[in-house]
Amino acid sequence: MKLTFIPLKFSKTSSKKENKYKEQNNYVLNKIVSVPVSSYGNIQLNGISDNYFKAKNYLDNAKKDFDDINNIEIYDLDLNKLDGIQEGIKVFKGLNMKEIAFIGSTINEVAINRGCHNVCSHCYAGANPPIREDNNHINKMSWNDFKTLTDGFKELNNRLGFPITRDIMDDDPYMTSFHDADCIDIKLKDNEGNEHDFIDIALRLKDSFGKPQIFDTAGWSPNDKKAQERAEKYAEYYSDPDHFDEISDFNISLNPYHVLHTREVSLRKGGNIEKAEKFRDLYTTRMANVFFTFTPLLDNPKFNIIARAADNSSKGTEGYREQDLRNLYNDICTKLEKLYQNDYNAEKRIITDKRSIKQNIYSYKRLLGYINTKPSISERLNKIYSPENSEVKRTNIIISKSRENIRSATNIHNILNGETIKLNAYETAYPNYAGLVDSNGRYYITNYYTTYPTELQLNFENKDKQTAPIHPYLNEDLPIKKTLINSL
């Protein structure tokens, strides 16, 4: 690791307290330079001033008040006195410690790639295919920005002595390397042209943020050879229990809202049964291949199927109900059994014992034992469902009440730490907020029903480039202002 030293400039002062900081400079600086706090890239000491050493001195003294450093959270400290500890870390340029603490304590999604070809109508993130990149638009982070992000948080955590993302009350901490992208498509090329896929990205994010990643996929076309190769690589890699422990969960999203089934439902309602059957065949074939490919992961308790559908009695949801999903599942499993049989008769790549065919089919059917019949109503699903649908009404109330709460907020943490929304005389909703770093460094807050931009942006090389709009229901007229964040 190369360390770049840039001479420090100190202001003239006759204060004994200031002279004490000066006397400590050589010791602290030597400590910074001699200890390789980051395993990635260069450490730039550019821009470090007396403020850094004041903050470092405060931090060292403050830690003495804690019996166990493992119990410290960022808001246990005086952030005004801690301001300066971030100096010289590129990604935080232009941000103070209150703003950085806000990001660190809320961040849950890092949008490495933007856009998804599955276009599921229930997707809360309203995913659409990736926009075209040009001089002014991007659909993914640059490798440099990804490194700047991960290096920066790791460096700050090392300076603090604890992860800024720590939440002691969170019993199952995790993050995602996506917002509106499918994990099978997550990949970045570095400056030498080397591709880094989900495995590399998840390991780096966990190392920097201290939280494991979730893998989610709604499937891919069997004709997409590169996606198939990545999927087979993941199946082999995560079949090792030690590697599976590197992530939080490995999820397959199975639902009647996938764009292929949505088209089937629309065609069937319009009377075009023949074409509807073709779209059904496309989707069930795709998902049978997904199940086949990930069979080596079946026995791991972190391997899940996320199944969402409308309740069977729900009005205006024909084609998207729980029974429709179970019918799809039966068709998928029929095709899966044929794939297993063909594999056993030929390569024996996955099926080496014929008895395992029925065991695997049973295991997959067991994973579909629970179907969530109350999915959040996305902007796309809102157009498909009837306005009288109870979940549509519920979602609209939450969005409206959330806007009222944010508009009247005088302390943003009162909202983020437990928003309470009264739906009616008998029901209350408790939507949780999470932070999102977009590919250009802009920061957003979402409760998965509605989204708010903030005035914060990380210092990325692509910070001036545009990305696709963030969903769901972006409140561009109601940003979280720096003054509110700094009022803490």
Protein backbone atom coordinates (compact mmCIF):
# COMPACT_ATOMS: atom_id res chain seq x y z
CA MET A 1 0.00 0.00 0.00
CA LYS A 2 1.35 3.39 -1.01
CA LEU A 3 1.08 6.23 1.49
CA THR A 4 1.07 9.74 0.14
CA PHE A 5 2.37 12.33 2.63
CA ILE A 6 1.39 15.94 2.11
CA PRO A 7 3.00 18.39 4.59
CA LEU A 8 0.64 19.84 7.17
CA LYS A 9 0.21 23.56 7.69
CA PHE A 10 -0.58 24.83 11.16
CA SER A 11 -1.87 28.24 12.11
CA LYS A 12 0.23 30.41 14.40
CA THR A 13 -1.04 30.56 17.95
CA SER A 14 0.29 31.30 21.41
CA SER A 15 -2.36 29.22 23.17
CA LYS A 16 -0.92 26.53 25.44
CA LYS A 17 -3.79 24.27 24.42
CA GLU A 18 -3.01 24.78 20.75
CA ASN A 19 0.69 24.19 21.39
CA LYS A 20 -0.25 20.90 23.01
CA TYR A 21 -1.94 19.83 19.79
CA LYS A 22 1.17 20.82 17.84
CA GLU A 23 3.37 18.75 20.13
CA GLN A 24 1.12 15.75 19.57
CA ASN A 25 1.15 16.12 15.78
CA ASN A 26 4.31 14.16 15.10
CA TYR A 27 3.24 11.28 17.35
CA VAL A 28 -0.27 11.06 15.88
CA LEU A 29 0.91 11.50 12.30
CA ASN A 30 3.56 8.82 12.74
CA LYS A 31 0.90 6.52 14.08
CA ILE A 32 -1.33 7.17 11.06
CA VAL A 33 1.46 6.67 8.55
CA SER A 34 3.03 3.62 10.18
CA VAL A 35 -0.17 1.62 10.61
CA PRO A 36 -1.76 0.42 7.32
CA VAL A 37 -5.35 1.13 8.34
CA SER A 38 -6.74 0.38 4.92
CA SER A 39 -6.05 -2.70 2.85
CA TYR A 40 -7.26 -0.94 -0.28
CA GLY A 41 -5.68 1.81 -2.35
CA ASN A 42 -3.86 4.90 -1.19
CA ILE A 43 -4.34 6.87 2.02
CA GLN A 44 -4.30 10.57 1.22
CA LEU A 45 -3.40 12.83 4.13
CA ASN A 46 -4.34 15.84 2.04
CA GLY A 47 -6.14 18.63 3.86
CA ILE A 48 -5.61 17.48 7.44
CA SER A 49 -5.51 20.46 9.79
CA ASP A 50 -5.51 21.17 13.51
CA ASN A 51 -9.19 20.16 13.50
CA TYR A 52 -8.20 16.54 12.96
CA PHE A 53 -5.90 16.47 15.98
CA LYS A 54 -8.46 18.24 18.17
CA ALA A 55 -11.06 15.65 17.16
CA LYS A 56 -8.60 12.79 17.70
CA ASN A 57 -7.73 14.09 21.15
CA TYR A 58 -11.42 14.41 22.04
CA LEU A 59 -12.11 10.88 20.77
CA ASP A 60 -9.27 9.31 22.73
CA ASN A 61 -10.47 10.98 25.93
CA ALA A 62 -14.14 10.18 25.29
CA LYS A 63 -13.41 6.47 24.85
CA LYS A 64 -12.05 6.31 28.38
CA ASP A 65 -15.60 6.85 29.67
CA PHE A 66 -16.74 3.56 28.13
CA ASP A 67 -16.14 0.24 29.87
CA ASP A 68 -16.36 -1.59 26.55
CA ILE A 69 -15.55 0.01 23.20
CA ASN A 70 -17.87 -2.54 21.59
CA ASN A 71 -20.79 -0.64 23.10
CA ILE A 72 -20.00 2.71 21.47
CA GLU A 73 -22.30 4.08 18.78
CA ILE A 74 -21.59 7.23 16.80
CA TYR A 75 -24.35 9.23 18.50
CA ASP A 76 -22.85 8.50 21.92
CA LEU A 77 -20.18 11.07 21.03
CA ASP A 78 -20.26 14.86 20.75
CA LEU A 79 -20.26 15.21 16.98
CA ASN A 80 -19.33 18.88 17.10
CA LYS A 81 -16.12 17.98 18.95
CA LEU A 82 -15.56 14.94 16.73
CA ASP A 83 -15.81 17.03 13.54
CA GLY A 84 -12.44 16.88 11.82
CA ILE A 85 -11.73 13.19 12.39
CA GLN A 86 -12.85 12.66 8.77
CA GLU A 87 -10.36 15.12 7.28
CA GLY A 88 -8.35 13.83 4.34
CA ILE A 89 -10.83 11.05 3.51
CA LYS A 90 -11.84 11.80 -0.07
CA VAL A 91 -15.41 10.46 -0.05
CA PHE A 92 -16.40 12.75 2.86
CA LYS A 93 -15.05 15.98 1.41
CA GLY A 94 -17.61 18.74 2.00
CA LEU A 95 -19.47 16.83 4.75
CA ASN A 96 -19.27 17.40 8.50
CA MET A 97 -19.48 14.66 11.12
CA LYS A 98 -23.18 15.17 11.81
CA GLU A 99 -23.89 14.62 8.13
CA ILE A 100 -21.52 11.65 7.93
CA ALA A 101 -23.05 10.15 11.09
CA PHE A 102 -26.51 10.51 9.55
CA ILE A 103 -25.34 8.56 6.49
CA GLY A 104 -23.43 5.98 8.52
CA SER A 105 -26.30 5.29 10.91
CA THR A 106 -28.96 4.94 8.20
CA ILE A 107 -27.20 3.48 5.17
CA ASN A 108 -28.71 0.19 4.04
CA GLU A 109 -28.53 0.19 0.24
CA VAL A 110 -25.57 0.90 -2.06
CA ALA A 111 -26.76 1.18 -5.66
CA ILE A 112 -23.79 -0.40 -7.45
CA ASN A 113 -25.77 -1.01 -10.65
CA ARG A 114 -29.01 0.70 -11.59
CA GLY A 115 -31.80 -0.96 -13.56
CA CYS A 116 -33.31 -4.41 -13.99
CA HIS A 117 -34.74 -6.28 -16.98
CA ASN A 118 -37.22 -8.32 -14.88
CA VAL A 119 -39.51 -5.27 -14.44
CA CYS A 120 -41.64 -6.92 -11.75
CA SER A 121 -44.78 -4.88 -11.21
CA HIS A 122 -44.65 -5.29 -7.42
CA CYS A 123 -41.03 -4.04 -7.16
CA TYR A 124 -41.04 -1.28 -4.54
CA ALA A 125 -38.02 0.27 -6.29
CA GLY A 126 -39.95 0.54 -9.57
CA ALA A 127 -37.08 -1.06 -11.46
CA ASN A 128 -36.84 -0.43 -15.19
CA PRO A 129 -34.13 -1.55 -17.65
CA PRO A 130 -30.83 0.37 -17.24
CA ILE A 131 -30.68 3.77 -18.92
CA ARG A 132 -28.14 4.33 -21.67
CA GLU A 133 -24.84 5.76 -20.45
CA ASP A 134 -23.33 8.85 -22.08
CA ASN A 135 -21.28 11.88 -21.05
CA ASN A 136 -24.02 13.06 -18.70
CA HIS A 137 -25.73 9.84 -17.56
CA ILE A 138 -24.59 6.69 -15.74
CA ASN A 139 -26.30 3.40 -14.83
CA LYS A 140 -23.64 2.12 -12.40
CA MET A 141 -20.89 3.29 -10.09
CA SER A 142 -17.45 3.70 -11.51
CA TRP A 143 -14.85 1.40 -9.98
CA ASN A 144 -13.02 4.47 -8.68
CA ASP A 145 -16.16 5.70 -6.89
CA PHE A 146 -16.83 2.26 -5.43
CA LYS A 147 -13.27 2.13 -4.09
CA THR A 148 -13.55 5.69 -2.80
CA LEU A 149 -16.72 4.71 -0.93
CA THR A 150 -15.44 1.48 0.61
CA ASP A 151 -11.93 2.79 1.34
CA GLY A 152 -13.39 5.89 2.93
CA PHE A 153 -15.72 4.11 5.33
CA LYS A 154 -13.06 1.59 6.27
CA GLU A 155 -10.57 4.38 6.98
CA LEU A 156 -13.11 6.29 9.09
CA ASN A 157 -14.01 3.16 11.06
CA ASN A 158 -10.34 2.58 11.80
CA ARG A 159 -9.94 6.16 12.99
CA LEU A 160 -13.02 5.87 15.21
CA GLY A 161 -12.09 2.43 16.52
CA PHE A 162 -15.63 1.14 15.88
CA PRO A 163 -17.91 0.93 12.81
CA ILE A 164 -19.94 4.07 12.24
CA THR A 165 -22.68 1.78 10.86
CA ARG A 166 -23.04 -0.07 14.17
CA ASP A 167 -26.57 -0.44 15.48
CA ILE A 168 -26.53 -2.41 18.71
CA MET A 169 -30.33 -2.71 18.67
CA ASP A 170 -30.25 -4.39 15.26
CA ASP A 171 -30.27 -8.15 15.92
CA ASP A 172 -29.79 -9.07 12.28
CA PRO A 173 -27.80 -6.34 10.54
CA TYR A 174 -27.42 -6.51 6.80
CA MET A 175 -27.03 -4.32 3.75
CA THR A 176 -27.75 -4.63 0.05
CA SER A 177 -25.49 -3.82 -2.88
CA PHE A 178 -28.55 -2.88 -4.93
CA HIS A 179 -31.66 -0.76 -5.02
CA ASP A 180 -33.37 -1.47 -8.32
CA ALA A 181 -30.98 -4.06 -9.79
CA ASP A 182 -30.93 -7.86 -9.81
CA CYS A 183 -27.90 -9.37 -8.04
CA ILE A 184 -27.18 -11.65 -10.99
CA ASP A 185 -26.33 -8.49 -12.96
CA ILE A 186 -24.23 -6.74 -10.30
CA LYS A 187 -20.69 -6.32 -11.59
CA LEU A 188 -18.09 -3.62 -12.13
CA LYS A 189 -14.92 -3.44 -14.19
CA ASP A 190 -11.84 -1.91 -12.62
CA ASN A 191 -9.41 0.37 -14.38
CA GLU A 192 -7.47 -2.61 -15.74
CA GLY A 193 -10.58 -4.17 -17.25
CA ASN A 194 -10.96 -6.90 -14.62
CA GLU A 195 -14.57 -7.75 -13.76
CA HIS A 196 -15.67 -7.82 -10.12
CA ASP A 197 -18.92 -9.68 -9.56
CA PHE A 198 -21.29 -10.00 -6.60
CA ILE A 199 -18.84 -12.11 -4.58
CA ASP A 200 -16.05 -9.51 -4.79
CA ILE A 201 -18.40 -6.59 -4.19
CA ALA A 202 -20.17 -8.23 -1.23
CA LEU A 203 -16.87 -9.05 0.48
CA ARG A 204 -15.56 -5.52 0.05
CA LEU A 205 -18.78 -3.94 1.34
CA LYS A 206 -18.85 -6.24 4.36
CA ASP A 207 -15.23 -5.39 5.12
CA SER A 208 -15.93 -1.65 4.94
CA PHE A 209 -19.38 -1.42 6.52
CA GLY A 210 -19.27 -4.41 8.87
CA LYS A 211 -22.53 -5.86 7.58
CA PRO A 212 -23.14 -8.87 5.31
CA GLN A 213 -24.95 -8.48 2.00
CA ILE A 214 -28.18 -10.04 0.75
CA PHE A 215 -28.29 -11.81 -2.61
CA ASP A 216 -31.64 -11.41 -4.42
CA THR A 217 -32.53 -12.55 -7.92
CA ALA A 218 -35.77 -12.79 -9.86
CA GLY A 219 -34.06 -14.96 -12.46
CA TRP A 220 -32.38 -14.58 -15.83
CA SER A 221 -32.84 -15.89 -19.35
CA PRO A 222 -31.24 -19.33 -19.85
CA ASN A 223 -29.92 -17.90 -23.13
CA ASP A 224 -27.87 -15.28 -21.27
CA LYS A 225 -24.63 -17.25 -21.12
CA LYS A 226 -22.71 -14.74 -19.01
CA ALA A 227 -25.49 -14.54 -16.40
CA GLN A 228 -25.69 -18.34 -16.37
CA GLU A 229 -21.92 -18.59 -15.81
CA ARG A 230 -22.10 -16.14 -12.90
CA ALA A 231 -25.02 -18.07 -11.38
CA GLU A 232 -23.15 -21.37 -11.61
CA LYS A 233 -20.11 -19.72 -10.03
CA TYR A 234 -22.26 -18.44 -7.13
CA ALA A 235 -23.88 -21.86 -6.67
CA GLU A 236 -20.45 -23.48 -6.37
CA TYR A 237 -18.94 -20.74 -4.20
CA TYR A 238 -21.82 -20.47 -1.70
CA SER A 239 -22.28 -24.24 -1.48
CA ASP A 240 -19.28 -24.00 0.87
CA PRO A 241 -20.84 -23.19 4.31
CA ASP A 242 -17.91 -20.92 5.19
CA HIS A 243 -18.58 -18.81 2.11
CA PHE A 244 -22.33 -18.82 2.72
CA ASP A 245 -21.61 -17.24 6.11
CA GLU A 246 -20.13 -14.25 4.27
CA ILE A 247 -23.65 -13.13 3.30
CA SER A 248 -26.90 -12.64 5.19
CA ASP A 249 -29.34 -14.43 2.86
CA PHE A 250 -29.56 -15.89 -0.63
CA ASN A 251 -33.03 -15.26 -2.05
CA ILE A 252 -34.92 -16.25 -5.17
CA SER A 253 -37.88 -13.98 -5.88
CA LEU A 254 -40.79 -15.98 -7.29
CA ASN A 255 -43.95 -14.06 -7.99
CA PRO A 256 -46.79 -13.57 -10.47
CA TYR A 257 -45.68 -9.96 -10.95
CA HIS A 258 -42.69 -10.71 -13.17
CA VAL A 259 -42.97 -8.90 -16.51
CA LEU A 260 -43.35 -12.20 -18.42
CA HIS A 261 -46.31 -13.29 -16.29
CA THR A 262 -47.77 -9.79 -16.28
CA ARG A 263 -47.85 -9.95 -20.07
CA GLU A 264 -49.45 -13.39 -19.88
CA VAL A 265 -52.23 -12.07 -17.63
CA SER A 266 -52.84 -9.09 -19.92
CA LEU A 267 -52.95 -11.26 -23.05
CA ARG A 268 -55.21 -13.82 -21.40
CA LYS A 269 -57.65 -11.11 -20.32
CA GLY A 270 -57.61 -9.83 -23.90
CA GLY A 271 -58.44 -13.27 -25.28
CA ASN A 272 -55.06 -13.98 -26.90
CA ILE A 273 -54.60 -17.36 -25.22
CA GLU A 274 -51.98 -18.73 -27.61
CA LYS A 275 -49.58 -15.84 -27.07
CA ALA A 276 -50.34 -15.83 -23.34
CA GLU A 277 -49.22 -19.46 -23.14
CA LYS A 278 -45.92 -18.57 -24.83
CA PHE A 279 -45.15 -15.98 -22.14
CA ARG A 280 -46.11 -18.47 -19.43
CA ASP A 281 -43.72 -21.01 -20.95
CA LEU A 282 -40.93 -18.41 -21.04
CA TYR A 283 -41.33 -17.60 -17.35
CA THR A 284 -41.72 -21.15 -16.05
CA THR A 285 -38.75 -22.34 -18.16
CA ARG A 286 -36.63 -19.49 -16.83
CA MET A 287 -37.47 -20.21 -13.20
CA ALA A 288 -37.02 -23.99 -13.57
CA ASN A 289 -33.48 -23.25 -14.77
CA VAL A 290 -32.92 -20.92 -11.78
CA PHE A 291 -34.03 -23.64 -9.35
CA PHE A 292 -31.90 -26.22 -11.13
CA THR A 293 -28.80 -24.02 -11.06
CA PHE A 294 -29.10 -23.19 -7.37
CA THR A 295 -29.91 -26.75 -6.23
CA PRO A 296 -26.50 -27.06 -4.47
CA LEU A 297 -27.68 -24.37 -2.01
CA LEU A 298 -30.96 -26.05 -1.06
CA ASP A 299 -29.82 -27.42 2.30
CA ASN A 300 -28.54 -24.12 3.63
CA PRO A 301 -30.98 -22.38 6.02
CA LYS A 302 -30.07 -18.99 4.51
CA PHE A 303 -31.41 -20.09 1.11
CA ASN A 304 -34.93 -18.73 0.67
CA ILE A 305 -37.73 -18.17 -1.78
CA ILE A 306 -39.40 -14.78 -1.51
CA ALA A 307 -42.97 -15.33 -2.63
CA ARG A 308 -45.46 -12.48 -2.89
CA ALA A 309 -48.98 -12.50 -4.33
CA ALA A 310 -52.39 -11.00 -3.75
CA ASP A 311 -54.82 -12.65 -1.37
CA ASN A 312 -57.20 -15.07 -3.09
CA SER A 313 -60.17 -12.94 -2.03
CA SER A 314 -58.60 -9.63 -2.99
CA LYS A 315 -60.63 -7.56 -5.44
CA GLY A 316 -59.25 -6.51 -8.80
CA THR A 317 -56.19 -8.79 -8.59
CA GLU A 318 -57.12 -11.59 -10.98
CA GLY A 319 -54.00 -13.34 -12.27
CA TYR A 320 -51.83 -12.17 -9.36
CA ARG A 321 -53.35 -14.11 -6.51
CA GLU A 322 -51.83 -16.72 -4.24
CA GLN A 323 -53.47 -19.56 -6.16
CA ASP A 324 -52.11 -18.18 -9.44
CA LEU A 325 -48.60 -18.31 -7.95
CA ARG A 326 -49.07 -21.89 -6.72
CA ASN A 327 -50.23 -22.92 -10.20
CA LEU A 328 -47.11 -21.31 -11.65
CA TYR A 329 -45.03 -23.16 -9.09
CA ASN A 330 -46.48 -26.52 -10.08
CA ASP A 331 -45.60 -25.85 -13.73
CA ILE A 332 -42.07 -24.80 -12.74
CA CYS A 333 -41.52 -27.92 -10.66
CA THR A 334 -42.73 -30.13 -13.50
CA LYS A 335 -40.07 -28.60 -15.76
CA LEU A 336 -37.51 -28.76 -12.97
CA GLU A 337 -38.08 -32.50 -12.59
CA LYS A 338 -37.34 -32.95 -16.30
CA LEU A 339 -34.10 -30.97 -15.95
CA TYR A 340 -33.09 -33.19 -13.03
CA GLN A 341 -33.92 -36.34 -14.98
CA ASN A 342 -31.96 -35.16 -18.03
CA ASP A 343 -28.97 -34.30 -15.85
CA TYR A 344 -29.05 -37.71 -14.18
CA ASN A 345 -29.23 -39.49 -17.53
CA ALA A 346 -26.37 -37.46 -19.01
CA GLU A 347 -23.76 -35.37 -17.17
CA LYS A 348 -24.76 -36.06 -13.54
CA ARG A 349 -23.51 -32.56 -12.80
CA ILE A 350 -26.11 -31.90 -10.10
CA ILE A 351 -28.10 -35.12 -9.79
CA THR A 352 -25.89 -38.10 -9.00
CA ASP A 353 -28.52 -40.09 -7.11
CA LYS A 354 -31.95 -40.54 -8.68
CA ARG A 355 -33.61 -40.50 -5.26
CA SER A 356 -32.50 -36.89 -4.77
CA ILE A 357 -34.82 -35.73 -7.58
CA LYS A 358 -37.98 -36.07 -5.52
CA GLN A 359 -36.17 -34.89 -2.39
CA ASN A 360 -35.13 -31.67 -4.12
CA ILE A 361 -38.61 -31.08 -5.54
CA TYR A 362 -40.04 -31.55 -2.05
CA SER A 363 -37.50 -29.12 -0.60
CA TYR A 364 -38.42 -26.44 -3.13
CA LYS A 365 -42.13 -26.92 -2.49
CA ARG A 366 -41.47 -26.63 1.24
CA LEU A 367 -39.76 -23.28 0.66
CA LEU A 368 -42.96 -21.99 -0.90
CA GLY A 369 -44.93 -22.84 2.22
CA TYR A 370 -45.42 -19.14 3.04
CA ILE A 371 -46.63 -16.56 0.55
CA ASN A 372 -46.74 -12.90 1.56
CA THR A 373 -50.18 -11.71 0.50
CA LYS A 374 -49.62 -8.10 1.56
CA PRO A 375 -46.86 -6.76 -0.69
CA SER A 376 -46.26 -3.03 -0.66
CA ILE A 377 -48.12 -1.44 -3.53
CA SER A 378 -45.53 -0.09 -5.95
CA GLU A 379 -46.25 2.71 -8.39
CA ARG A 380 -46.58 0.10 -11.14
CA LEU A 381 -48.84 -2.20 -9.13
CA ASN A 382 -51.00 0.76 -8.16
CA LYS A 383 -51.93 1.03 -11.85
CA ILE A 384 -52.81 -2.67 -12.12
CA TYR A 385 -54.83 -3.11 -8.94
CA SER A 386 -58.27 -1.64 -8.37
CA PRO A 387 -58.34 1.70 -6.47
CA GLU A 388 -60.68 -0.04 -4.02
CA ASN A 389 -58.09 -2.68 -3.16
CA SER A 390 -57.40 -2.58 0.60
CA GLU A 391 -53.60 -2.67 0.15
CA VAL A 392 -53.74 0.19 -2.35
CA LYS A 393 -55.70 2.26 0.16
CA ARG A 394 -53.29 1.31 2.95
CA THR A 395 -50.25 2.28 0.88
CA ASN A 396 -51.75 5.64 -0.10
CA ILE A 397 -52.46 6.45 3.56
CA ILE A 398 -48.88 5.60 4.57
CA ILE A 399 -47.47 7.78 1.80
CA SER A 400 -49.69 10.71 2.76
CA LYS A 401 -48.99 10.41 6.49
CA SER A 402 -45.24 10.02 5.90
CA ARG A 403 -45.18 13.27 3.97
CA GLU A 404 -46.98 15.00 6.83
CA ASN A 405 -44.48 13.61 9.35
CA ILE A 406 -41.44 14.65 7.32
CA ARG A 407 -42.83 18.10 6.58
CA SER A 408 -43.42 18.80 10.27
CA ALA A 409 -40.24 17.12 11.57
CA THR A 410 -37.98 19.18 13.81
CA ASN A 411 -35.77 16.19 14.68
CA ILE A 412 -35.24 13.75 11.84
CA HIS A 413 -34.20 10.97 14.23
CA ASN A 414 -37.64 10.98 15.83
CA ILE A 415 -38.95 9.91 12.42
CA LEU A 416 -36.18 7.51 11.43
CA ASN A 417 -36.15 5.71 14.78
CA GLY A 418 -39.83 4.87 14.77
CA GLU A 419 -42.40 6.44 12.51
CA THR A 420 -45.91 5.60 13.67
CA ILE A 421 -48.80 5.93 11.24
CA LYS A 422 -52.41 5.47 12.28
CA LEU A 423 -54.25 3.80 9.40
CA ASN A 424 -57.67 3.58 11.04
CA ALA A 425 -59.23 3.01 14.43
CA TYR A 426 -57.86 -0.53 14.57
CA GLU A 427 -54.60 -0.60 12.63
CA THR A 428 -51.24 1.16 12.95
CA ALA A 429 -48.27 0.93 10.57
CA TYR A 430 -44.60 1.25 11.59
CA PRO A 431 -42.63 1.75 8.38
CA ASN A 432 -38.86 1.62 8.81
CA TYR A 433 -36.51 3.98 7.00
CA ALA A 434 -33.29 3.08 5.25
CA GLY A 435 -30.62 5.13 3.52
CA LEU A 436 -29.61 4.71 -0.11
CA VAL A 437 -26.38 5.80 -1.81
CA ASP A 438 -27.05 6.27 -5.51
CA SER A 439 -24.41 5.53 -8.17
CA ASN A 440 -23.52 9.23 -8.33
CA GLY A 441 -23.14 9.57 -4.55
CA ARG A 442 -26.48 11.26 -3.87
CA TYR A 443 -28.14 10.15 -0.65
CA TYR A 444 -31.81 9.25 -0.20
CA ILE A 445 -34.05 8.00 2.60
CA THR A 446 -36.87 5.54 1.92
CA ASN A 447 -39.41 3.66 4.01
CA TYR A 448 -40.07 1.38 1.01
CA TYR A 449 -43.41 3.09 0.45
CA THR A 450 -42.09 6.54 -0.40
CA THR A 451 -38.66 8.14 -0.83
CA TYR A 452 -37.09 11.46 0.15
CA PRO A 453 -33.95 13.02 -1.35
CA THR A 454 -31.49 14.60 1.05
CA GLU A 455 -29.13 17.50 0.44
CA LEU A 456 -26.20 15.19 1.10
CA GLN A 457 -23.90 13.78 -1.57
CA LEU A 458 -20.70 11.79 -1.24
CA ASN A 459 -17.66 13.04 -3.10
CA PHE A 460 -17.69 10.82 -6.21
CA GLU A 461 -15.93 11.49 -9.49
CA ASN A 462 -19.33 11.03 -11.18
CA LYS A 463 -21.18 13.28 -8.73
CA ASP A 464 -22.29 15.62 -11.53
CA LYS A 465 -23.77 12.85 -13.69
CA GLN A 466 -27.43 11.90 -13.71
CA THR A 467 -28.94 8.53 -12.92
CA ALA A 468 -32.42 7.09 -13.43
CA PRO A 469 -35.08 8.49 -11.07
CA ILE A 470 -35.22 6.87 -7.63
CA HIS A 471 -38.45 5.13 -6.62
CA PRO A 472 -40.80 4.54 -4.88
CA TYR A 473 -42.76 7.78 -5.02
CA LEU A 474 -39.85 10.22 -4.88
CA ASN A 475 -40.79 13.40 -3.01
CA GLU A 476 -38.61 15.85 -4.90
CA ASP A 477 -40.57 18.71 -3.36
CA LEU A 478 -39.75 17.57 0.18
CA PRO A 479 -35.98 17.06 0.57
CA ILE A 480 -34.31 16.31 3.90
CA LYS A 481 -32.32 19.50 4.37
CA LYS A 482 -28.85 19.82 5.87
CA THR A 483 -30.23 22.21 8.47
CA LEU A 484 -32.52 19.46 9.79
CA ILE A 485 -29.69 16.91 9.86
CA ASN A 486 -27.35 19.39 11.58
CA SER A 487 -29.95 20.35 14.19
CA LEU A 488 -29.26 17.13 16.09
